[in-house]
C-alpha atoms as a PDB file:
ATOM      1  CA  MET A   1     -22.241 -25.609 155.479  1.00  0.00           C
ATOM      2  CA  MET A   2     -23.806 -25.432 152.035  1.00  0.00           C
ATOM      3  CA  GLU A   3     -21.568 -25.169 149.009  1.00  0.00           C
ATOM      4  CA  GLY A   4     -21.578 -21.751 147.356  1.00  0.00           C
ATOM      5  CA  MET A   5     -22.782 -20.052 150.534  1.00  0.00           C
ATOM      6  CA  ILE A   6     -21.691 -16.439 150.950  1.00  0.00           C
ATOM      7  CA  MET A   7     -19.838 -15.993 154.221  1.00  0.00           C
ATOM      8  CA  ALA A   8     -19.661 -12.866 156.332  1.00  0.00           C
ATOM      9  CA  THR A   9     -16.518 -10.808 155.990  1.00  0.00           C
ATOM     10  CA  ASP A  10     -14.194 -10.225 158.919  1.00  0.00           C
ATOM     11  CA  ALA A  11     -15.381  -6.602 158.968  1.00  0.00           C
ATOM     12  CA  GLU A  12     -19.021  -7.719 159.279  1.00  0.00           C
ATOM     13  CA  ILE A  13     -18.091 -10.073 162.110  1.00  0.00           C
ATOM     14  CA  GLN A  14     -16.143  -7.280 163.838  1.00  0.00           C
ATOM     15  CA  LYS A  15     -19.104  -4.880 163.570  1.00  0.00           C
ATOM     16  CA  PHE A  16     -21.533  -7.490 164.911  1.00  0.00           C
ATOM     17  CA  VAL A  17     -19.303  -8.285 167.905  1.00  0.00           C
ATOM     18  CA  GLN A  18     -18.682  -4.590 168.586  1.00  0.00           C
ATOM     19  CA  HIS A  19     -22.413  -3.848 168.532  1.00  0.00           C
ATOM     20  CA  HIS A  20     -23.425  -6.826 170.705  1.00  0.00           C
ATOM     21  CA  GLN A  21     -20.404  -7.292 172.983  1.00  0.00           C
ATOM     22  CA  GLY A  22     -18.676  -3.899 173.080  1.00  0.00           C
ATOM     23  CA  PHE A  23     -15.258  -4.878 171.703  1.00  0.00           C
ATOM     24  CA  ILE A  24     -13.737  -5.330 168.251  1.00  0.00           C
ATOM     25  CA  PRO A  25     -12.140  -8.754 167.760  1.00  0.00           C
ATOM     26  CA  LYS A  26      -8.814  -8.890 165.953  1.00  0.00           C
ATOM     27  CA  ARG A  27      -8.867 -10.469 162.487  1.00  0.00           C
ATOM     28  CA  GLY A  28      -6.334 -13.022 163.726  1.00  0.00           C
ATOM     29  CA  TRP A  29      -8.741 -14.094 166.480  1.00  0.00           C
ATOM     30  CA  ILE A  30     -11.507 -14.555 163.907  1.00  0.00           C
ATOM     31  CA  ALA A  31      -9.147 -16.673 161.766  1.00  0.00           C
ATOM     32  CA  HIS A  32      -8.226 -18.752 164.834  1.00  0.00           C
ATOM     33  CA  VAL A  33     -11.853 -19.469 165.752  1.00  0.00           C
ATOM     34  CA  LYS A  34     -12.660 -20.271 162.096  1.00  0.00           C
ATOM     35  CA  ALA A  35      -9.770 -22.751 162.007  1.00  0.00           C
ATOM     36  CA  ALA A  36     -10.845 -24.315 165.320  1.00  0.00           C
ATOM     37  CA  ARG A  37     -14.414 -24.704 164.024  1.00  0.00           C
ATOM     38  CA  GLY A  38     -13.392 -25.968 160.590  1.00  0.00           C
ATOM     39  CA  ILE A  39     -14.864 -22.945 158.832  1.00  0.00           C
ATOM     40  CA  PRO A  40     -13.109 -22.235 155.535  1.00  0.00           C
ATOM     41  CA  THR A  41     -11.568 -18.817 155.109  1.00  0.00           C
ATOM     42  CA  LEU A  42     -12.082 -16.561 152.120  1.00  0.00           C
ATOM     43  CA  ARG A  43      -8.332 -16.217 151.669  1.00  0.00           C
ATOM     44  CA  GLY A  44      -7.809 -19.802 150.568  1.00  0.00           C
ATOM     45  CA  ALA A  45      -6.049 -22.675 152.297  1.00  0.00           C
ATOM     46  CA  LYS A  46      -2.444 -21.693 151.507  1.00  0.00           C
ATOM     47  CA  GLU A  47      -2.669 -18.118 152.698  1.00  0.00           C
ATOM     48  CA  ALA A  48      -4.807 -18.998 155.736  1.00  0.00           C
ATOM     49  CA  ARG A  49      -2.039 -21.245 157.038  1.00  0.00           C
ATOM     50  CA  ARG A  50       0.453 -18.407 157.363  1.00  0.00           C
ATOM     51  CA  LYS A  51       1.390 -17.813 160.979  1.00  0.00           C
ATOM     52  CA  HIS A  52       0.601 -14.083 160.903  1.00  0.00           C
ATOM     53  CA  ASP A  53      -2.961 -14.736 159.690  1.00  0.00           C
ATOM     54  CA  ILE A  54      -3.956 -16.658 162.809  1.00  0.00           C
ATOM     55  CA  GLU A  55      -3.540 -15.226 166.295  1.00  0.00           C
ATOM     56  CA  PRO A  56      -4.705 -17.276 169.287  1.00  0.00           C
ATOM     57  CA  CYS A  57      -8.063 -15.956 170.438  1.00  0.00           C
ATOM     58  CA  PRO A  58      -8.381 -15.349 174.177  1.00  0.00           C
ATOM     59  CA  PRO A  59     -10.838 -17.919 175.579  1.00  0.00           C
ATOM     60  CA  GLU A  60     -13.066 -15.192 177.030  1.00  0.00           C
ATOM     61  CA  LYS A  61     -13.528 -13.641 173.550  1.00  0.00           C
ATOM     62  CA  ARG A  62     -14.224 -16.853 171.629  1.00  0.00           C
ATOM     63  CA  GLU A  63     -17.938 -17.158 172.490  1.00  0.00           C
ATOM     64  CA  ALA A  64     -18.639 -13.662 171.141  1.00  0.00           C
ATOM     65  CA  ILE A  65     -17.020 -14.554 167.814  1.00  0.00           C
ATOM     66  CA  GLU A  66     -18.908 -17.857 167.671  1.00  0.00           C
ATOM     67  CA  GLU A  67     -22.141 -15.940 168.347  1.00  0.00           C
ATOM     68  CA  ALA A  68     -21.405 -13.827 165.267  1.00  0.00           C
ATOM     69  CA  PHE A  69     -20.743 -16.986 163.229  1.00  0.00           C
ATOM     70  CA  ARG A  70     -24.139 -18.371 164.296  1.00  0.00           C
ATOM     71  CA  HIS A  71     -25.830 -15.053 163.474  1.00  0.00           C
ATOM     72  CA  PHE A  72     -24.400 -15.143 159.943  1.00  0.00           C
ATOM     73  CA  GLY A  73     -25.216 -18.855 159.473  1.00  0.00           C
ATOM     74  CA  MET A  74     -21.574 -19.904 159.381  1.00  0.00           C
ATOM     75  CA  MET A  75     -22.007 -22.624 162.035  1.00  0.00           C
END
């Protein structure tokens, strides 16, 4: 990922997934997939490590979130 790149917000990712897949992913799922993919969060490293920020994403929902990441050039 290029330095200084503007990343999509969680809300933008949620809207994309809702439009293309028909469900709204939880913010915790998005944080989990970002962490698994090594994508930095906008909240900063300290806050992103808090347990309540990351909620395990169900395996069947992960591909939809990754599709949104690809759409926004995040991976």
